[in-house]
Full PDB file with SEQRES, HELIX, SHEET, SSBOND, CRYST1, ORIGX, SCALE, CONECT and MASTER records, all heavy atoms in Angstrom:
SEQRES   1 A   38  SER VAL MET LEU THR HIS LEU VAL GLU LEU MET PHE HIS          
SEQRES   2 A   38  VAL ARG THR GLN LYS ASP PHE SER ASP ILE VAL TYR ILE          
SEQRES   3 A   38  MET ALA SER VAL ALA GLY GLY VAL CYS LYS MET THR              
HELIX    1 AA1 VAL A    2  PHE A   12  1                                  11    
HELIX    2 AA2 GLN A   17  MET A   37  1                                  21    
CRYST1    1.000    1.000    1.000  90.00  90.00  90.00 P 1           1          
ORIGX1      1.000000  0.000000  0.000000        0.00000                         
ORIGX2      0.000000  1.000000  0.000000        0.00000                         
ORIGX3      0.000000  0.000000  1.000000        0.00000                         
SCALE1      1.000000  0.000000  0.000000        0.00000                         
SCALE2      0.000000  1.000000  0.000000        0.00000                         
SCALE3      0.000000  0.000000  1.000000        0.00000                         
ATOM      1  N   SER A   1     -54.243-141.447  99.256  1.00  0.00           N  
ATOM      2  CA  SER A   1     -53.505-140.373  99.928  1.00  0.00           C  
ATOM      3  C   SER A   1     -54.174-139.977 101.239  1.00  0.00           C  
ATOM      4  O   SER A   1     -53.501-139.653 102.222  1.00  0.00           O  
ATOM      5  CB  SER A   1     -53.399-139.158  99.000  1.00  0.00           C  
ATOM      6  OG  SER A   1     -54.659-138.513  98.838  1.00  0.00           O  
ATOM      7  N   VAL A   2     -55.502-139.999 101.252  1.00  0.00           N  
ATOM      8  CA  VAL A   2     -56.235-139.686 102.483  1.00  0.00           C  
ATOM      9  C   VAL A   2     -55.900-140.710 103.569  1.00  0.00           C  
ATOM     10  O   VAL A   2     -55.613-140.364 104.719  1.00  0.00           O  
ATOM     11  CB  VAL A   2     -57.750-139.653 102.218  1.00  0.00           C  
ATOM     12  CG1 VAL A   2     -58.505-139.407 103.515  1.00  0.00           C  
ATOM     13  CG2 VAL A   2     -58.087-138.593 101.206  1.00  0.00           C  
ATOM     14  N   MET A   3     -55.942-141.991 103.199  1.00  0.00           N  
ATOM     15  CA  MET A   3     -55.639-143.028 104.177  1.00  0.00           C  
ATOM     16  C   MET A   3     -54.188-142.933 104.655  1.00  0.00           C  
ATOM     17  O   MET A   3     -53.889-143.189 105.822  1.00  0.00           O  
ATOM     18  CB  MET A   3     -55.909-144.417 103.578  1.00  0.00           C  
ATOM     19  CG  MET A   3     -55.830-145.528 104.609  1.00  0.00           C  
ATOM     20  SD  MET A   3     -56.388-147.131 103.991  1.00  0.00           S  
ATOM     21  CE  MET A   3     -55.093-147.496 102.808  1.00  0.00           C  
ATOM     22  N   LEU A   4     -53.277-142.524 103.760  1.00  0.00           N  
ATOM     23  CA  LEU A   4     -51.870-142.407 104.124  1.00  0.00           C  
ATOM     24  C   LEU A   4     -51.653-141.335 105.188  1.00  0.00           C  
ATOM     25  O   LEU A   4     -50.855-141.522 106.114  1.00  0.00           O  
ATOM     26  CB  LEU A   4     -51.037-142.090 102.878  1.00  0.00           C  
ATOM     27  CG  LEU A   4     -49.515-142.003 103.082  1.00  0.00           C  
ATOM     28  CD1 LEU A   4     -48.966-143.352 103.545  1.00  0.00           C  
ATOM     29  CD2 LEU A   4     -48.832-141.561 101.794  1.00  0.00           C  
ATOM     30  N   THR A   5     -52.375-140.216 105.085  1.00  0.00           N  
ATOM     31  CA  THR A   5     -52.217-139.151 106.082  1.00  0.00           C  
ATOM     32  C   THR A   5     -52.626-139.621 107.473  1.00  0.00           C  
ATOM     33  O   THR A   5     -51.986-139.274 108.472  1.00  0.00           O  
ATOM     34  CB  THR A   5     -53.055-137.921 105.702  1.00  0.00           C  
ATOM     35  OG1 THR A   5     -54.448-138.263 105.656  1.00  0.00           O  
ATOM     36  CG2 THR A   5     -52.624-137.374 104.348  1.00  0.00           C  
ATOM     37  N   HIS A   6     -53.673-140.438 107.543  1.00  0.00           N  
ATOM     38  CA  HIS A   6     -54.108-140.970 108.842  1.00  0.00           C  
ATOM     39  C   HIS A   6     -53.168-142.067 109.329  1.00  0.00           C  
ATOM     40  O   HIS A   6     -52.888-142.167 110.532  1.00  0.00           O  
ATOM     41  CB  HIS A   6     -55.535-141.507 108.732  1.00  0.00           C  
ATOM     42  CG  HIS A   6     -56.551-140.470 108.412  1.00  0.00           C  
ATOM     43  ND1 HIS A   6     -56.862-139.430 109.264  1.00  0.00           N  
ATOM     44  CD2 HIS A   6     -57.345-140.284 107.315  1.00  0.00           C  
ATOM     45  CE1 HIS A   6     -57.796-138.663 108.726  1.00  0.00           C  
ATOM     46  NE2 HIS A   6     -58.102-139.166 107.536  1.00  0.00           N  
ATOM     47  N   LEU A   7     -52.678-142.886 108.417  1.00  0.00           N  
ATOM     48  CA  LEU A   7     -51.791-143.984 108.801  1.00  0.00           C  
ATOM     49  C   LEU A   7     -50.472-143.468 109.364  1.00  0.00           C  
ATOM     50  O   LEU A   7     -49.987-143.966 110.394  1.00  0.00           O  
ATOM     51  CB  LEU A   7     -51.538-144.887 107.594  1.00  0.00           C  
ATOM     52  CG  LEU A   7     -50.672-146.134 107.841  1.00  0.00           C  
ATOM     53  CD1 LEU A   7     -51.331-147.044 108.872  1.00  0.00           C  
ATOM     54  CD2 LEU A   7     -50.425-146.882 106.536  1.00  0.00           C  
ATOM     55  N   VAL A   8     -49.874-142.459 108.724  1.00  0.00           N  
ATOM     56  CA  VAL A   8     -48.619-141.887 109.215  1.00  0.00           C  
ATOM     57  C   VAL A   8     -48.828-141.242 110.577  1.00  0.00           C  
ATOM     58  O   VAL A   8     -47.988-141.377 111.491  1.00  0.00           O  
ATOM     59  CB  VAL A   8     -48.063-140.867 108.207  1.00  0.00           C  
ATOM     60  CG1 VAL A   8     -46.841-140.149 108.785  1.00  0.00           C  
ATOM     61  CG2 VAL A   8     -47.686-141.564 106.900  1.00  0.00           C  
ATOM     62  N   GLU A   9     -49.933-140.544 110.735  1.00  0.00           N  
ATOM     63  CA  GLU A   9     -50.248-139.938 112.033  1.00  0.00           C  
ATOM     64  C   GLU A   9     -50.381-141.005 113.117  1.00  0.00           C  
ATOM     65  O   GLU A   9     -49.882-140.833 114.238  1.00  0.00           O  
ATOM     66  CB  GLU A   9     -51.549-139.139 111.917  1.00  0.00           C  
ATOM     67  CG  GLU A   9     -52.023-138.492 113.206  1.00  0.00           C  
ATOM     68  CD  GLU A   9     -51.188-137.302 113.615  1.00  0.00           C  
ATOM     69  OE1 GLU A   9     -50.382-136.821 112.799  1.00  0.00           O  
ATOM     70  OE2 GLU A   9     -51.338-136.858 114.779  1.00  0.00           O  
ATOM     71  N   LEU A  10     -51.009-142.118 112.777  1.00  0.00           N  
ATOM     72  CA  LEU A  10     -51.179-143.204 113.741  1.00  0.00           C  
ATOM     73  C   LEU A  10     -49.850-143.840 114.118  1.00  0.00           C  
ATOM     74  O   LEU A  10     -49.597-144.146 115.288  1.00  0.00           O  
ATOM     75  CB  LEU A  10     -52.114-144.271 113.152  1.00  0.00           C  
ATOM     76  CG  LEU A  10     -52.345-145.538 113.980  1.00  0.00           C  
ATOM     77  CD1 LEU A  10     -53.068-145.200 115.277  1.00  0.00           C  
ATOM     78  CD2 LEU A  10     -53.138-146.569 113.187  1.00  0.00           C  
ATOM     79  N   MET A  11     -48.960-144.007 113.147  1.00  0.00           N  
ATOM     80  CA  MET A  11     -47.700-144.717 113.391  1.00  0.00           C  
ATOM     81  C   MET A  11     -46.673-143.872 114.132  1.00  0.00           C  
ATOM     82  O   MET A  11     -45.908-144.398 114.947  1.00  0.00           O  
ATOM     83  CB  MET A  11     -47.121-145.190 112.050  1.00  0.00           C  
ATOM     84  CG  MET A  11     -47.947-146.249 111.354  1.00  0.00           C  
ATOM     85  SD  MET A  11     -47.279-146.695 109.729  1.00  0.00           S  
ATOM     86  CE  MET A  11     -45.677-147.357 110.164  1.00  0.00           C  
ATOM     87  N   PHE A  12     -46.644-142.568 113.899  1.00  0.00           N  
ATOM     88  CA  PHE A  12     -45.534-141.760 114.403  1.00  0.00           C  
ATOM     89  C   PHE A  12     -45.913-140.652 115.377  1.00  0.00           C  
ATOM     90  O   PHE A  12     -45.039-140.084 116.026  1.00  0.00           O  
ATOM     91  CB  PHE A  12     -44.789-141.115 113.215  1.00  0.00           C  
ATOM     92  CG  PHE A  12     -44.171-142.113 112.275  1.00  0.00           C  
ATOM     93  CD1 PHE A  12     -44.750-142.360 111.041  1.00  0.00           C  
ATOM     94  CD2 PHE A  12     -43.023-142.805 112.635  1.00  0.00           C  
ATOM     95  CE1 PHE A  12     -44.185-143.275 110.174  1.00  0.00           C  
ATOM     96  CE2 PHE A  12     -42.453-143.727 111.777  1.00  0.00           C  
ATOM     97  CZ  PHE A  12     -43.031-143.963 110.536  1.00  0.00           C  
ATOM     98  N   HIS A  13     -47.189-140.321 115.498  1.00  0.00           N  
ATOM     99  CA  HIS A  13     -47.553-139.181 116.335  1.00  0.00           C  
ATOM    100  C   HIS A  13     -48.594-139.509 117.393  1.00  0.00           C  
ATOM    101  O   HIS A  13     -49.144-138.596 118.019  1.00  0.00           O  
ATOM    102  CB  HIS A  13     -48.058-138.030 115.456  1.00  0.00           C  
ATOM    103  CG  HIS A  13     -47.042-137.511 114.505  1.00  0.00           C  
ATOM    104  ND1 HIS A  13     -46.906-137.992 113.220  1.00  0.00           N  
ATOM    105  CD2 HIS A  13     -46.079-136.561 114.648  1.00  0.00           C  
ATOM    106  CE1 HIS A  13     -45.929-137.351 112.607  1.00  0.00           C  
ATOM    107  NE2 HIS A  13     -45.398-136.493 113.446  1.00  0.00           N  
ATOM    108  N   VAL A  14     -48.895-140.753 117.595  1.00  0.00           N  
ATOM    109  CA  VAL A  14     -49.851-141.149 118.637  1.00  0.00           C  
ATOM    110  C   VAL A  14     -49.085-141.515 119.895  1.00  0.00           C  
ATOM    111  O   VAL A  14     -48.194-142.367 119.864  1.00  0.00           O  
ATOM    112  CB  VAL A  14     -50.727-142.334 118.162  1.00  0.00           C  
ATOM    113  CG1 VAL A  14     -51.521-142.899 119.318  1.00  0.00           C  
ATOM    114  CG2 VAL A  14     -51.659-141.869 117.051  1.00  0.00           C  
ATOM    115  N   ARG A  15     -49.414-140.846 120.988  1.00  0.00           N  
ATOM    116  CA  ARG A  15     -48.701-141.069 122.251  1.00  0.00           C  
ATOM    117  C   ARG A  15     -49.602-141.612 123.349  1.00  0.00           C  
ATOM    118  O   ARG A  15     -49.160-142.372 124.198  1.00  0.00           O  
ATOM    119  CB  ARG A  15     -48.077-139.747 122.725  1.00  0.00           C  
ATOM    120  CG  ARG A  15     -47.020-139.173 121.780  1.00  0.00           C  
ATOM    121  CD  ARG A  15     -45.765-140.026 121.775  1.00  0.00           C  
ATOM    122  NE  ARG A  15     -44.728-139.439 120.924  1.00  0.00           N  
ATOM    123  CZ  ARG A  15     -44.573-139.748 119.632  1.00  0.00           C  
ATOM    124  NH1 ARG A  15     -45.393-140.644 119.064  1.00  0.00           N  
ATOM    125  NH2 ARG A  15     -43.635-139.180 118.914  1.00  0.00           N  
ATOM    126  N   THR A  16     -50.844-141.225 123.386  1.00  0.00           N  
ATOM    127  CA  THR A  16     -51.740-141.619 124.464  1.00  0.00           C  
ATOM    128  C   THR A  16     -52.918-142.418 123.919  1.00  0.00           C  
ATOM    129  O   THR A  16     -53.141-142.492 122.704  1.00  0.00           O  
ATOM    130  CB  THR A  16     -52.275-140.379 125.208  1.00  0.00           C  
ATOM    131  OG1 THR A  16     -53.087-139.622 124.304  1.00  0.00           O  
ATOM    132  CG2 THR A  16     -51.121-139.520 125.713  1.00  0.00           C  
ATOM    133  N   GLN A  17     -53.687-142.970 124.864  1.00  0.00           N  
ATOM    134  CA  GLN A  17     -54.870-143.737 124.475  1.00  0.00           C  
ATOM    135  C   GLN A  17     -55.910-142.838 123.806  1.00  0.00           C  
ATOM    136  O   GLN A  17     -56.579-143.248 122.851  1.00  0.00           O  
ATOM    137  CB  GLN A  17     -55.466-144.407 125.706  1.00  0.00           C  
ATOM    138  CG  GLN A  17     -56.592-145.384 125.406  1.00  0.00           C  
ATOM    139  CD  GLN A  17     -57.086-146.088 126.653  1.00  0.00           C  
ATOM    140  OE1 GLN A  17     -56.882-145.610 127.754  1.00  0.00           O  
ATOM    141  NE2 GLN A  17     -57.731-147.214 126.469  1.00  0.00           N  
ATOM    142  N   LYS A  18     -56.007-141.582 124.271  1.00  0.00           N  
ATOM    143  CA  LYS A  18     -56.957-140.655 123.661  1.00  0.00           C  
ATOM    144  C   LYS A  18     -56.530-140.310 122.234  1.00  0.00           C  
ATOM    145  O   LYS A  18     -57.375-140.224 121.329  1.00  0.00           O  
ATOM    146  CB  LYS A  18     -57.062-139.387 124.504  1.00  0.00           C  
ATOM    147  CG  LYS A  18     -58.162-138.449 124.020  1.00  0.00           C  
ATOM    148  CD  LYS A  18     -58.264-137.221 124.883  1.00  0.00           C  
ATOM    149  CE  LYS A  18     -59.433-136.347 124.437  1.00  0.00           C  
ATOM    150  NZ  LYS A  18     -59.379-135.994 123.007  1.00  0.00           N  
ATOM    151  N   ASP A  19     -55.217-140.124 122.026  1.00  0.00           N  
ATOM    152  CA  ASP A  19     -54.730-139.882 120.661  1.00  0.00           C  
ATOM    153  C   ASP A  19     -55.093-141.041 119.743  1.00  0.00           C  
ATOM    154  O   ASP A  19     -55.494-140.841 118.592  1.00  0.00           O  
ATOM    155  CB  ASP A  19     -53.207-139.689 120.667  1.00  0.00           C  
ATOM    156  CG  ASP A  19     -52.790-138.406 121.369  1.00  0.00           C  
ATOM    157  OD1 ASP A  19     -53.641-137.522 121.526  1.00  0.00           O  
ATOM    158  OD2 ASP A  19     -51.613-138.317 121.756  1.00  0.00           O  
ATOM    159  N   PHE A  20     -54.928-142.245 120.267  1.00  0.00           N  
ATOM    160  CA  PHE A  20     -55.233-143.440 119.475  1.00  0.00           C  
ATOM    161  C   PHE A  20     -56.708-143.491 119.096  1.00  0.00           C  
ATOM    162  O   PHE A  20     -57.062-143.752 117.941  1.00  0.00           O  
ATOM    163  CB  PHE A  20     -54.838-144.686 120.267  1.00  0.00           C  
ATOM    164  CG  PHE A  20     -55.014-145.969 119.517  1.00  0.00           C  
ATOM    165  CD1 PHE A  20     -54.111-146.346 118.532  1.00  0.00           C  
ATOM    166  CD2 PHE A  20     -56.077-146.817 119.784  1.00  0.00           C  
ATOM    167  CE1 PHE A  20     -54.261-147.527 117.831  1.00  0.00           C  
ATOM    168  CE2 PHE A  20     -56.244-147.998 119.092  1.00  0.00           C  
ATOM    169  CZ  PHE A  20     -55.329-148.362 118.123  1.00  0.00           C  
ATOM    170  N   SER A  21     -57.579-143.218 120.065  1.00  0.00           N  
ATOM    171  CA  SER A  21     -59.017-143.263 119.784  1.00  0.00           C  
ATOM    172  C   SER A  21     -59.443-142.123 118.874  1.00  0.00           C  
ATOM    173  O   SER A  21     -60.390-142.265 118.096  1.00  0.00           O  
ATOM    174  CB  SER A  21     -59.812-143.207 121.097  1.00  0.00           C  
ATOM    175  OG  SER A  21     -59.623-141.970 121.760  1.00  0.00           O  
ATOM    176  N   ASP A  22     -58.728-140.974 118.935  1.00  0.00           N  
ATOM    177  CA  ASP A  22     -59.067-139.832 118.080  1.00  0.00           C  
ATOM    178  C   ASP A  22     -58.920-140.152 116.605  1.00  0.00           C  
ATOM    179  O   ASP A  22     -59.653-139.609 115.768  1.00  0.00           O  
ATOM    180  CB  ASP A  22     -58.170-138.631 118.420  1.00  0.00           C  
ATOM    181  CG  ASP A  22     -58.612-137.925 119.680  1.00  0.00           C  
ATOM    182  OD1 ASP A  22     -59.760-138.152 120.100  1.00  0.00           O  
ATOM    183  OD2 ASP A  22     -57.810-137.174 120.251  1.00  0.00           O  
ATOM    184  N   ILE A  23     -57.962-141.017 116.280  1.00  0.00           N  
ATOM    185  CA  ILE A  23     -57.654-141.247 114.871  1.00  0.00           C  
ATOM    186  C   ILE A  23     -58.199-142.567 114.340  1.00  0.00           C  
ATOM    187  O   ILE A  23     -58.513-142.692 113.156  1.00  0.00           O  
ATOM    188  CB  ILE A  23     -56.122-141.179 114.637  1.00  0.00           C  
ATOM    189  CG1 ILE A  23     -55.829-141.132 113.136  1.00  0.00           C  
ATOM    190  CG2 ILE A  23     -55.411-142.342 115.305  1.00  0.00           C  
ATOM    191  CD1 ILE A  23     -54.389-140.828 112.822  1.00  0.00           C  
ATOM    192  N   VAL A  24     -58.348-143.567 115.216  1.00  0.00           N  
ATOM    193  CA  VAL A  24     -58.724-144.895 114.726  1.00  0.00           C  
ATOM    194  C   VAL A  24     -60.132-144.896 114.152  1.00  0.00           C  
ATOM    195  O   VAL A  24     -60.394-145.518 113.121  1.00  0.00           O  
ATOM    196  CB  VAL A  24     -58.588-145.948 115.844  1.00  0.00           C  
ATOM    197  CG1 VAL A  24     -59.293-147.241 115.468  1.00  0.00           C  
ATOM    198  CG2 VAL A  24     -57.116-146.237 116.093  1.00  0.00           C  
ATOM    199  N   TYR A  25     -61.067-144.198 114.787  1.00  0.00           N  
ATOM    200  CA  TYR A  25     -62.452-144.294 114.319  1.00  0.00           C  
ATOM    201  C   TYR A  25     -62.631-143.671 112.939  1.00  0.00           C  
ATOM    202  O   TYR A  25     -63.395-144.169 112.111  1.00  0.00           O  
ATOM    203  CB  TYR A  25     -63.414-143.700 115.346  1.00  0.00           C  
ATOM    204  CG  TYR A  25     -63.492-142.204 115.408  1.00  0.00           C  
ATOM    205  CD1 TYR A  25     -64.557-141.518 114.855  1.00  0.00           C  
ATOM    206  CD2 TYR A  25     -62.502-141.461 116.064  1.00  0.00           C  
ATOM    207  CE1 TYR A  25     -64.644-140.147 114.924  1.00  0.00           C  
ATOM    208  CE2 TYR A  25     -62.592-140.097 116.143  1.00  0.00           C  
ATOM    209  CZ  TYR A  25     -63.653-139.436 115.569  1.00  0.00           C  
ATOM    210  OH  TYR A  25     -63.739-138.075 115.641  1.00  0.00           O  
ATOM    211  N   ILE A  26     -61.904-142.581 112.634  1.00  0.00           N  
ATOM    212  CA  ILE A  26     -62.005-142.005 111.290  1.00  0.00           C  
ATOM    213  C   ILE A  26     -61.164-142.796 110.296  1.00  0.00           C  
ATOM    214  O   ILE A  26     -61.530-142.957 109.130  1.00  0.00           O  
ATOM    215  CB  ILE A  26     -61.600-140.510 111.303  1.00  0.00           C  
ATOM    216  CG1 ILE A  26     -61.868-139.872 109.944  1.00  0.00           C  
ATOM    217  CG2 ILE A  26     -60.138-140.357 111.694  1.00  0.00           C  
ATOM    218  CD1 ILE A  26     -63.309-139.888 109.513  1.00  0.00           C  
ATOM    219  N   MET A  27     -60.034-143.340 110.766  1.00  0.00           N  
ATOM    220  CA  MET A  27     -59.208-144.142 109.868  1.00  0.00           C  
ATOM    221  C   MET A  27     -59.930-145.422 109.465  1.00  0.00           C  
ATOM    222  O   MET A  27     -59.785-145.898 108.331  1.00  0.00           O  
ATOM    223  CB  MET A  27     -57.876-144.485 110.549  1.00  0.00           C  
ATOM    224  CG  MET A  27     -56.915-145.229 109.645  1.00  0.00           C  
ATOM    225  SD  MET A  27     -55.332-145.553 110.426  1.00  0.00           S  
ATOM    226  CE  MET A  27     -54.599-146.634 109.189  1.00  0.00           C  
ATOM    227  N   ALA A  28     -60.705-145.988 110.375  1.00  0.00           N  
ATOM    228  CA  ALA A  28     -61.482-147.179 110.040  1.00  0.00           C  
ATOM    229  C   ALA A  28     -62.484-146.875 108.940  1.00  0.00           C  
ATOM    230  O   ALA A  28     -62.691-147.672 108.016  1.00  0.00           O  
ATOM    231  CB  ALA A  28     -62.202-147.700 111.283  1.00  0.00           C  
ATOM    232  N   SER A  29     -63.093-145.706 108.991  1.00  0.00           N  
ATOM    233  CA  SER A  29     -64.049-145.314 107.956  1.00  0.00           C  
ATOM    234  C   SER A  29     -63.357-145.128 106.611  1.00  0.00           C  
ATOM    235  O   SER A  29     -63.850-145.588 105.579  1.00  0.00           O  
ATOM    236  CB  SER A  29     -64.754-144.011 108.367  1.00  0.00           C  
ATOM    237  OG  SER A  29     -65.619-143.565 107.351  1.00  0.00           O  
ATOM    238  N   VAL A  30     -62.192-144.463 106.610  1.00  0.00           N  
ATOM    239  CA  VAL A  30     -61.456-144.233 105.364  1.00  0.00           C  
ATOM    240  C   VAL A  30     -60.982-145.553 104.774  1.00  0.00           C  
ATOM    241  O   VAL A  30     -61.084-145.783 103.560  1.00  0.00           O  
ATOM    242  CB  VAL A  30     -60.267-143.284 105.608  1.00  0.00           C  
ATOM    243  CG1 VAL A  30     -59.408-143.163 104.359  1.00  0.00           C  
ATOM    244  CG2 VAL A  30     -60.771-141.908 106.033  1.00  0.00           C  
ATOM    245  N   ALA A  31     -60.459-146.448 105.637  1.00  0.00           N  
ATOM    246  CA  ALA A  31     -60.002-147.758 105.156  1.00  0.00           C  
ATOM    247  C   ALA A  31     -61.163-148.554 104.561  1.00  0.00           C  
ATOM    248  O   ALA A  31     -61.008-149.251 103.553  1.00  0.00           O  
ATOM    249  CB  ALA A  31     -59.352-148.547 106.296  1.00  0.00           C  
ATOM    250  N   GLY A  32     -62.336-148.446 105.184  1.00  0.00           N  
ATOM    251  CA  GLY A  32     -63.513-149.117 104.631  1.00  0.00           C  
ATOM    252  C   GLY A  32     -63.898-148.562 103.273  1.00  0.00           C  
ATOM    253  O   GLY A  32     -64.288-149.305 102.368  1.00  0.00           O  
ATOM    254  N   GLY A  33     -63.769-147.243 103.099  1.00  0.00           N  
ATOM    255  CA  GLY A  33     -64.059-146.641 101.805  1.00  0.00           C  
ATOM    256  C   GLY A  33     -63.094-147.098 100.722  1.00  0.00           C  
ATOM    257  O   GLY A  33     -63.494-147.374  99.588  1.00  0.00           O  
ATOM    258  N   VAL A  34     -61.804-147.204 101.071  1.00  0.00           N  
ATOM    259  CA  VAL A  34     -60.806-147.696 100.117  1.00  0.00           C  
ATOM    260  C   VAL A  34     -61.097-149.143  99.737  1.00  0.00           C  
ATOM    261  O   VAL A  34     -61.007-149.523  98.556  1.00  0.00           O  
ATOM    262  CB  VAL A  34     -59.389-147.567 100.708  1.00  0.00           C  
ATOM    263  CG1 VAL A  34     -58.359-148.257  99.807  1.00  0.00           C  
ATOM    264  CG2 VAL A  34     -59.019-146.105 100.885  1.00  0.00           C  
ATOM    265  N   CYS A  35     -61.464-149.956 100.729  1.00  0.00           N  
ATOM    266  CA  CYS A  35     -61.794-151.360 100.465  1.00  0.00           C  
ATOM    267  C   CYS A  35     -62.983-151.468  99.514  1.00  0.00           C  
ATOM    268  O   CYS A  35     -62.967-152.254  98.564  1.00  0.00           O  
ATOM    269  CB  CYS A  35     -62.093-152.079 101.779  1.00  0.00           C  
ATOM    270  SG  CYS A  35     -62.787-153.736 101.586  1.00  0.00           S  
ATOM    271  N   LYS A  36     -64.013-150.654  99.748  1.00  0.00           N  
ATOM    272  CA  LYS A  36     -65.207-150.708  98.892  1.00  0.00           C  
ATOM    273  C   LYS A  36     -64.903-150.237  97.477  1.00  0.00           C  
ATOM    274  O   LYS A  36     -65.378-150.829  96.503  1.00  0.00           O  
ATOM    275  CB  LYS A  36     -66.322-149.869  99.515  1.00  0.00           C  
ATOM    276  CG  LYS A  36     -66.902-150.479 100.778  1.00  0.00           C  
ATOM    277  CD  LYS A  36     -67.934-149.582 101.422  1.00  0.00           C  
ATOM    278  CE  LYS A  36     -68.467-150.232 102.697  1.00  0.00           C  
ATOM    279  NZ  LYS A  36     -69.452-149.383 103.384  1.00  0.00           N  
ATOM    280  N   MET A  37     -64.096-149.195  97.364  1.00  0.00           N  
ATOM    281  CA  MET A  37     -63.751-148.703  96.035  1.00  0.00           C  
ATOM    282  C   MET A  37     -62.926-149.743  95.281  1.00  0.00           C  
ATOM    283  O   MET A  37     -63.122-149.958  94.080  1.00  0.00           O  
ATOM    284  CB  MET A  37     -62.970-147.395  96.152  1.00  0.00           C  
ATOM    285  CG  MET A  37     -62.764-146.689  94.826  1.00  0.00           C  
ATOM    286  SD  MET A  37     -62.101-145.023  95.032  1.00  0.00           S  
ATOM    287  CE  MET A  37     -62.092-144.460  93.327  1.00  0.00           C  
ATOM    288  N   THR A  38     -62.004-150.418  95.989  1.00  0.00           N  
ATOM    289  CA  THR A  38     -61.204-151.475  95.364  1.00  0.00           C  
ATOM    290  C   THR A  38     -62.088-152.618  94.886  1.00  0.00           C  
ATOM    291  O   THR A  38     -61.934-153.126  93.769  1.00  0.00           O  
ATOM    292  CB  THR A  38     -60.164-152.010  96.360  1.00  0.00           C  
ATOM    293  OG1 THR A  38     -59.344-150.930  96.827  1.00  0.00           O  
ATOM    294  CG2 THR A  38     -59.277-153.066  95.711  1.00  0.00           C  
TER     295      THR A  38                                                      
MASTER        0    0    0    2    0    0    0    6  294    1    0    3          
END                                                                             
């Protein structure tokens, strides 16, 4: 659910390069955590 909140924000609410960088670095960490838990 945590990763989903970041993914939806990335897909539908990112407009600028700064918006993209604001979310990608934390989303990468969350995705890595999901991968490790799996």
